[in-house]
């Protein structure tokens, strides 16, 4: 795959590789303790991303996670969502396109399955926003009206930047902006990056990684789901050992049978919302304006159809990565209690830049 773009801090201690296909973040390489650590799980062969939809690093859109398939009408919007990913659900944007992506900024299909164009003159990011980074790139698509079953033509841009920072190794920044390009009043929008983190271990899993979720002092809850994995609107307090992440704990401690595939909600925050550390000695702190995260621990016995990165030294097995997919709760535009908790209905309205 020839569309790999490399961004590196001025001191060279952090390097990020971004692919145009799926806006996939293929690698985050960190220099620490006299070694280079790639803290993202994924395939060694970049062509694997386009050969099979496996969600190791791409962007998800227009709407992340599970929604009810079929037609749904609300007071603000109507959607017609095609079934994919399970009975009666529309998962991660629905089925992939039949045809190969066109060589154009206009792309049809789930955003992990299309080609994002790197643009030199962004429409949604100005020079001040881009100037904060040692190295930066902006990628764009335009999603036509009706794409994936959603109303409105959308212009979407994604900024990826890196910079060196005193007192820590460096920063990696990912930011999405979108705007309706036609007369549509509103459309659902809830993007995320589907990246899986791996910070080294003795057995190739993340069970010994330490994970903390939620801003300090915030109330942490998780989404209750129906039989199809769609949120009911109920929020369950995270007071039991399996789901209480506020002080931090080993991922493998008190893990539910089958592993984690849960969405946690903390509400609006401007501070740190996650901390991860593994055996390699590198730690990651996450700050975001998103109100929750899907934690998925790669629960399949063989989660990757293809050879794992050579940097990780072995084939990926069960629990090879901790996927942290930051977003608003899924189905927020359909569930009023979730909109109140997140303080957003996840609808992008005409004239807004979201």
Protein backbone atom coordinates (compact mmCIF):
# COMPACT_ATOMS: atom_id res chain seq x y z
CA UNK A 1 0.00 0.00 0.00
CA UNK A 2 1.65 3.21 -1.19
CA UNK A 3 -0.36 5.84 0.66
CA UNK A 4 1.57 5.73 3.94
CA UNK A 5 2.30 9.16 5.42
CA UNK A 6 4.84 9.66 8.20
CA UNK A 7 4.74 12.38 10.87
CA UNK A 8 7.59 12.82 13.35
CA UNK A 9 8.30 15.17 16.25
CA UNK A 10 11.27 17.55 15.98
CA UNK A 11 13.31 15.45 18.39
CA UNK A 12 12.30 12.22 16.61
CA UNK A 13 10.97 10.52 19.74
CA UNK A 14 7.40 10.07 18.43
CA UNK A 15 6.52 8.98 14.90
CA UNK A 16 3.05 8.27 13.51
CA UNK A 17 2.18 6.46 10.28
CA UNK A 18 -1.18 7.31 8.69
CA UNK A 19 -2.76 5.50 5.73
CA UNK A 20 -5.21 7.17 3.39
CA UNK A 21 -7.23 3.96 3.23
CA UNK A 22 -9.69 4.15 6.10
CA UNK A 23 -7.69 7.02 7.63
CA UNK A 24 -5.91 4.17 9.39
CA UNK A 25 -3.34 5.03 12.03
CA UNK A 26 -0.97 2.18 11.34
CA UNK A 27 1.73 2.91 13.89
CA UNK A 28 2.62 5.11 16.84
CA UNK A 29 6.32 4.57 17.46
CA UNK A 30 7.83 5.91 20.67
CA UNK A 31 11.52 6.09 21.58
CA UNK A 32 12.01 5.27 25.26
CA UNK A 33 14.40 3.20 27.38
CA UNK A 34 16.86 2.89 24.45
CA UNK A 35 14.24 1.20 22.25
CA UNK A 36 11.53 2.04 19.76
CA UNK A 37 8.10 0.81 20.89
CA UNK A 38 5.17 0.61 18.47
CA UNK A 39 2.18 0.91 20.80
CA UNK A 40 -0.49 0.01 18.23
CA UNK A 41 -1.42 -3.56 17.31
CA UNK A 42 -1.95 -4.22 13.62
CA UNK A 43 -0.76 -6.11 10.55
CA UNK A 44 2.80 -6.04 9.25
CA UNK A 45 1.50 -6.00 5.66
CA UNK A 46 -0.40 -2.76 5.04
CA UNK A 47 -2.47 -4.41 2.30
CA UNK A 48 -4.30 -6.43 4.95
CA UNK A 49 -6.33 -3.34 5.88
CA UNK A 50 -8.01 -3.17 2.47
CA UNK A 51 -8.22 -6.93 1.98
CA UNK A 52 -10.39 -7.67 4.98
CA UNK A 53 -12.37 -5.40 7.30
CA UNK A 54 -10.69 -5.97 10.66
CA UNK A 55 -10.74 -2.56 12.39
CA UNK A 56 -7.09 -2.33 13.40
CA UNK A 57 -6.62 1.44 13.42
CA UNK A 58 -9.18 3.01 11.03
CA UNK A 59 -11.68 5.78 11.56
CA UNK A 60 -15.33 4.76 12.00
CA UNK A 61 -18.15 6.87 10.55
CA UNK A 62 -20.61 8.23 9.96
CA UNK A 63 -21.79 6.68 13.22
CA UNK A 64 -19.71 4.40 15.41
CA UNK A 65 -20.85 1.17 16.98
CA UNK A 66 -24.27 -0.50 16.90
CA UNK A 67 -27.59 1.04 15.84
CA UNK A 68 -30.91 -0.63 15.02
CA UNK A 69 -31.12 -1.60 11.34
CA UNK A 70 -34.01 -0.40 9.21
CA UNK A 71 -35.88 2.89 9.16
CA UNK A 72 -35.97 5.09 12.24
CA UNK A 73 -37.72 8.46 12.47
CA UNK A 74 -37.18 11.04 15.20
CA UNK A 75 -38.44 14.58 15.55
CA UNK A 76 -35.20 15.84 13.95
CA UNK A 77 -34.04 13.22 11.48
CA UNK A 78 -34.93 10.04 9.57
CA UNK A 79 -32.40 7.31 8.76
CA UNK A 80 -32.59 4.08 6.75
CA UNK A 81 -29.79 1.81 7.94
CA UNK A 82 -28.77 -1.42 6.26
CA UNK A 83 -28.15 -4.53 8.34
CA UNK A 84 -24.53 -5.52 8.84
CA UNK A 85 -22.59 -7.03 11.74
CA UNK A 86 -25.43 -9.07 13.22
CA UNK A 87 -29.16 -9.61 13.11
CA UNK A 88 -31.18 -6.39 13.19
CA UNK A 89 -28.14 -4.15 13.74
CA UNK A 90 -26.19 -1.65 11.69
CA UNK A 91 -22.59 -1.78 12.91
CA UNK A 92 -19.77 0.72 12.20
CA UNK A 93 -21.43 2.28 9.16
CA UNK A 94 -22.96 -0.85 7.66
CA UNK A 95 -21.78 -3.09 4.81
CA UNK A 96 -18.63 -2.19 2.88
CA UNK A 97 -19.01 -0.84 -0.67
CA UNK A 98 -19.11 -3.35 -3.50
CA UNK A 99 -16.89 -1.29 -5.80
CA UNK A 100 -13.35 -0.16 -5.07
CA UNK A 101 -13.06 3.41 -3.72
CA UNK A 102 -12.96 6.10 -6.40
CA UNK A 103 -10.00 8.44 -6.89
CA UNK A 104 -11.94 11.42 -5.60
CA UNK A 105 -12.64 13.37 -2.43
CA UNK A 106 -16.23 12.08 -2.75
CA UNK A 107 -16.44 8.65 -1.16
CA UNK A 108 -19.36 6.29 -0.58
CA UNK A 109 -19.48 3.67 2.14
CA UNK A 110 -18.30 3.24 5.72
CA UNK A 111 -15.37 5.55 6.35
CA UNK A 112 -13.01 2.72 7.29
CA UNK A 113 -13.48 1.32 3.76
CA UNK A 114 -12.81 4.45 1.68
CA UNK A 115 -9.75 6.44 0.67
CA UNK A 116 -9.18 9.73 2.44
CA UNK A 117 -7.34 12.39 0.41
CA UNK A 118 -4.54 14.36 2.01
CA UNK A 119 -5.28 18.03 1.41
CA UNK A 120 -2.89 20.98 1.41
CA UNK A 121 -5.61 23.63 1.75
CA UNK A 122 -8.14 22.42 4.36
CA UNK A 123 -11.56 24.03 4.52
CA UNK A 124 -12.28 23.30 8.20
CA UNK A 125 -8.85 23.84 9.83
CA UNK A 126 -7.01 27.14 9.77
CA UNK A 127 -3.31 27.89 9.96
CA UNK A 128 -3.44 28.58 13.68
CA UNK A 129 -4.90 25.13 14.42
CA UNK A 130 -2.27 23.43 12.28
CA UNK A 131 0.63 25.52 13.51
CA UNK A 132 0.57 23.97 16.98
CA UNK A 133 2.25 20.78 15.73
CA UNK A 134 5.80 19.81 14.75
CA UNK A 135 4.39 17.77 11.89
CA UNK A 136 0.77 17.66 10.78
CA UNK A 137 -1.48 16.36 8.01
CA UNK A 138 -5.12 16.86 7.10
CA UNK A 139 -7.17 14.25 5.25
CA UNK A 140 -10.65 14.79 3.80
CA UNK A 141 -13.65 13.07 2.28
CA UNK A 142 -17.08 14.24 1.13
CA UNK A 143 -19.88 11.80 1.93
CA UNK A 144 -22.93 12.30 -0.35
CA UNK A 145 -26.52 12.65 0.75
CA UNK A 146 -27.95 9.20 1.56
CA UNK A 147 -24.56 7.59 2.09
CA UNK A 148 -24.87 4.70 4.60
CA UNK A 149 -28.55 5.66 4.97
CA UNK A 150 -27.98 9.10 6.52
CA UNK A 151 -29.25 12.44 5.20
CA UNK A 152 -27.05 15.28 4.01
CA UNK A 153 -23.83 15.78 2.10
CA UNK A 154 -20.95 16.01 4.57
CA UNK A 155 -17.48 17.45 4.26
CA UNK A 156 -15.25 15.76 6.84
CA UNK A 157 -11.63 16.58 7.62
CA UNK A 158 -9.27 14.84 10.01
CA UNK A 159 -6.16 16.46 11.44
CA UNK A 160 -3.32 14.28 12.75
CA UNK A 161 -0.40 16.04 14.41
CA UNK A 162 2.60 15.29 16.62
CA UNK A 163 4.82 17.49 18.78
CA UNK A 164 7.61 17.19 21.32
CA UNK A 165 6.68 18.29 24.82
CA UNK A 166 8.96 19.01 27.80
CA UNK A 167 8.66 16.52 30.68
CA UNK A 168 7.09 13.79 28.55
CA UNK A 169 7.89 11.89 25.38
CA UNK A 170 5.47 13.77 23.14
CA UNK A 171 1.89 14.32 22.01
CA UNK A 172 -0.20 12.70 19.29
CA UNK A 173 -3.30 14.65 18.26
CA UNK A 174 -6.31 13.41 16.26
CA UNK A 175 -9.19 15.79 15.56
CA UNK A 176 -12.21 15.50 13.27
CA UNK A 177 -14.30 18.36 11.90
CA UNK A 178 -17.39 18.12 9.71
CA UNK A 179 -19.90 20.41 8.03
CA UNK A 180 -23.11 19.87 6.09
CA UNK A 181 -22.67 21.01 2.49
CA UNK A 182 -26.33 21.12 1.41
CA UNK A 183 -29.71 22.28 2.73
CA UNK A 184 -30.20 19.31 5.07
CA UNK A 185 -31.24 20.50 8.53
CA UNK A 186 -29.45 17.84 10.60
CA UNK A 187 -27.70 14.48 10.36
CA UNK A 188 -26.33 12.02 12.95
CA UNK A 189 -22.56 12.05 13.36
CA UNK A 190 -20.46 10.17 15.92
CA UNK A 191 -16.96 9.26 14.76
CA UNK A 192 -14.18 7.35 16.49
CA UNK A 193 -10.72 5.92 15.85
CA UNK A 194 -10.76 2.13 16.16
CA UNK A 195 -7.19 1.68 17.37
CA UNK A 196 -5.88 -1.13 19.56
CA UNK A 197 -3.11 -0.35 22.02
CA UNK A 198 -0.38 -2.73 23.14
CA UNK A 199 2.34 -1.64 25.58
CA UNK A 200 4.26 -4.90 25.88
CA UNK A 201 3.75 -7.97 28.06
CA UNK A 202 5.25 -11.32 28.93
CA UNK A 203 2.53 -13.30 27.10
CA UNK A 204 1.51 -11.08 24.17
CA UNK A 205 -1.76 -10.00 25.79
CA UNK A 206 -2.93 -6.82 27.49
CA UNK A 207 -4.27 -8.61 30.57
CA UNK A 208 -1.40 -7.24 32.67
CA UNK A 209 -1.78 -3.69 31.35
CA UNK A 210 -2.94 -1.12 33.87
CA UNK A 211 -5.97 0.89 32.73
CA UNK A 212 -7.73 3.83 34.34
CA UNK A 213 -10.88 5.39 32.82
CA UNK A 214 -12.82 8.54 33.60
CA UNK A 215 -11.86 12.02 34.80
CA UNK A 216 -10.89 12.33 38.44
CA UNK A 217 -14.02 12.41 40.59
CA UNK A 218 -16.44 11.88 37.70
CA UNK A 219 -19.30 9.40 37.84
CA UNK A 220 -18.54 6.40 35.60
CA UNK A 221 -21.41 4.41 34.08
CA UNK A 222 -21.78 1.87 31.30
CA UNK A 223 -24.41 1.40 28.65
CA UNK A 224 -27.09 -1.24 29.14
CA UNK A 225 -27.66 -3.13 25.88
CA UNK A 226 -30.53 -5.07 24.40
CA UNK A 227 -30.19 -8.60 22.99
CA UNK A 228 -28.70 -7.18 19.75
CA UNK A 229 -26.09 -5.00 21.43
CA UNK A 230 -27.98 -1.72 20.90
CA UNK A 231 -28.19 0.66 23.89
CA UNK A 232 -31.53 0.70 25.69
CA UNK A 233 -30.94 4.17 27.12
CA UNK A 234 -30.31 2.88 30.63
CA UNK A 235 -27.00 3.66 32.34
CA UNK A 236 -25.55 1.17 34.82
CA UNK A 237 -23.31 2.44 37.66
CA UNK A 238 -19.75 1.06 37.51
CA UNK A 239 -19.49 0.00 41.14
CA UNK A 240 -18.62 -3.69 40.69
CA UNK A 241 -15.06 -4.99 40.44
CA UNK A 242 -15.25 -5.76 36.71
CA UNK A 243 -16.25 -2.24 35.65
CA UNK A 244 -14.82 0.13 38.25
CA UNK A 245 -11.88 1.75 36.42
CA UNK A 246 -11.64 5.04 38.26
CA UNK A 247 -8.59 4.19 40.39
CA UNK A 248 -7.00 2.03 37.72
CA UNK A 249 -6.51 -1.75 37.69
CA UNK A 250 -5.15 -4.62 35.64
CA UNK A 251 -7.31 -5.29 32.61
CA UNK A 252 -7.27 -9.00 33.39
CA UNK A 253 -8.40 -8.54 36.98
CA UNK A 254 -12.11 -9.37 37.34
CA UNK A 255 -12.56 -9.50 33.56
CA UNK A 256 -16.09 -10.59 32.56
CA UNK A 257 -16.42 -13.96 30.81
CA UNK A 258 -15.52 -13.47 27.16
CA UNK A 259 -13.61 -10.24 27.77
CA UNK A 260 -14.52 -6.57 27.52
CA UNK A 261 -16.75 -5.09 24.84
CA UNK A 262 -18.40 -2.34 26.89
CA UNK A 263 -19.09 1.36 26.52
CA UNK A 264 -18.28 3.57 29.53
CA UNK A 265 -19.70 7.07 29.98
CA UNK A 266 -18.24 9.91 32.08
CA UNK A 267 -19.91 12.95 30.48
CA UNK A 268 -18.33 16.23 29.33
CA UNK A 269 -14.72 16.73 30.40
CA UNK A 270 -11.67 18.74 29.41
CA UNK A 271 -9.15 16.75 31.46
CA UNK A 272 -7.48 13.35 31.37
CA UNK A 273 -9.94 10.53 30.77
CA UNK A 274 -7.68 7.49 30.40
CA UNK A 275 -4.29 6.17 31.46
CA UNK A 276 -2.68 2.99 30.06
CA UNK A 277 0.62 1.33 30.89
CA UNK A 278 2.20 -2.01 30.07
CA UNK A 279 5.47 -3.87 30.50
CA UNK A 280 7.47 -1.78 28.01
CA UNK A 281 7.55 1.08 30.53
CA UNK A 282 5.77 3.61 28.30
CA UNK A 283 2.55 5.11 29.67
CA UNK A 284 -0.18 6.94 27.76
CA UNK A 285 -2.53 9.62 29.07
CA UNK A 286 -5.57 10.55 26.96
CA UNK A 287 -7.43 13.84 26.98
CA UNK A 288 -10.51 14.24 24.79
CA UNK A 289 -13.72 16.20 24.39
CA UNK A 290 -15.60 12.94 23.89
CA UNK A 291 -17.94 11.74 26.65
CA UNK A 292 -17.15 8.04 26.75
CA UNK A 293 -15.21 5.12 25.35
CA UNK A 294 -15.81 1.63 24.01
CA UNK A 295 -13.31 -0.77 25.59
CA UNK A 296 -12.78 -3.89 23.48
CA UNK A 297 -10.10 -6.45 24.36
CA UNK A 298 -9.79 -8.34 21.04
CA UNK A 299 -11.71 -11.32 22.36
CA UNK A 300 -11.41 -13.66 19.35
CA UNK A 301 -8.82 -16.44 19.42
CA UNK A 302 -7.29 -15.12 16.17
CA UNK A 303 -8.27 -11.45 15.97
CA UNK A 304 -6.15 -10.57 12.93
CA UNK A 305 -6.37 -12.27 9.52
CA UNK A 306 -2.74 -11.71 8.57
CA UNK A 307 0.73 -11.62 10.07
CA UNK A 308 1.17 -9.43 13.15
CA UNK A 309 3.72 -6.64 13.26
CA UNK A 310 7.26 -7.99 13.52
CA UNK A 311 7.93 -5.39 16.21
CA UNK A 312 5.61 -7.30 18.53
CA UNK A 313 7.48 -10.54 18.12
CA UNK A 314 4.66 -13.08 17.92
CA UNK A 315 1.28 -13.85 16.38
CA UNK A 316 -1.65 -12.03 17.93
CA UNK A 317 -3.89 -14.14 20.10
CA UNK A 318 -6.87 -13.47 22.31
CA UNK A 319 -6.69 -10.11 24.15
CA UNK A 320 -3.75 -8.88 22.08
CA UNK A 321 -4.83 -5.23 22.31
CA UNK A 322 -6.96 -2.81 24.28
CA UNK A 323 -9.13 -0.95 21.80
CA UNK A 324 -10.13 2.43 23.19
CA UNK A 325 -12.75 3.98 20.90
CA UNK A 326 -13.52 7.46 22.22
CA UNK A 327 -16.88 8.94 21.18
CA UNK A 328 -20.30 9.88 22.44
CA UNK A 329 -22.44 6.89 23.48
CA UNK A 330 -23.77 5.01 20.48
CA UNK A 331 -27.43 5.55 19.62
CA UNK A 332 -27.39 8.87 21.49
CA UNK A 333 -29.59 10.53 18.87
CA UNK A 334 -32.19 7.80 19.50
CA UNK A 335 -32.05 7.68 23.31
CA UNK A 336 -32.92 10.84 25.25
CA UNK A 337 -31.31 9.70 28.54
CA UNK A 338 -27.98 9.26 26.74
CA UNK A 339 -28.25 12.69 25.14
CA UNK A 340 -28.85 14.24 28.55
CA UNK A 341 -25.89 12.41 30.08
CA UNK A 342 -23.54 13.29 27.23
CA UNK A 343 -24.95 16.81 26.85
CA UNK A 344 -25.17 16.27 23.08
CA UNK A 345 -27.66 14.58 20.78
CA UNK A 346 -24.89 13.77 18.23
CA UNK A 347 -26.76 15.62 15.48
CA UNK A 348 -24.74 17.93 13.25
CA UNK A 349 -26.95 20.82 12.15
CA UNK A 350 -26.80 23.06 9.12
CA UNK A 351 -24.32 25.90 9.66
CA UNK A 352 -22.39 24.10 12.41
CA UNK A 353 -18.84 22.78 12.25
CA UNK A 354 -18.79 19.72 14.43
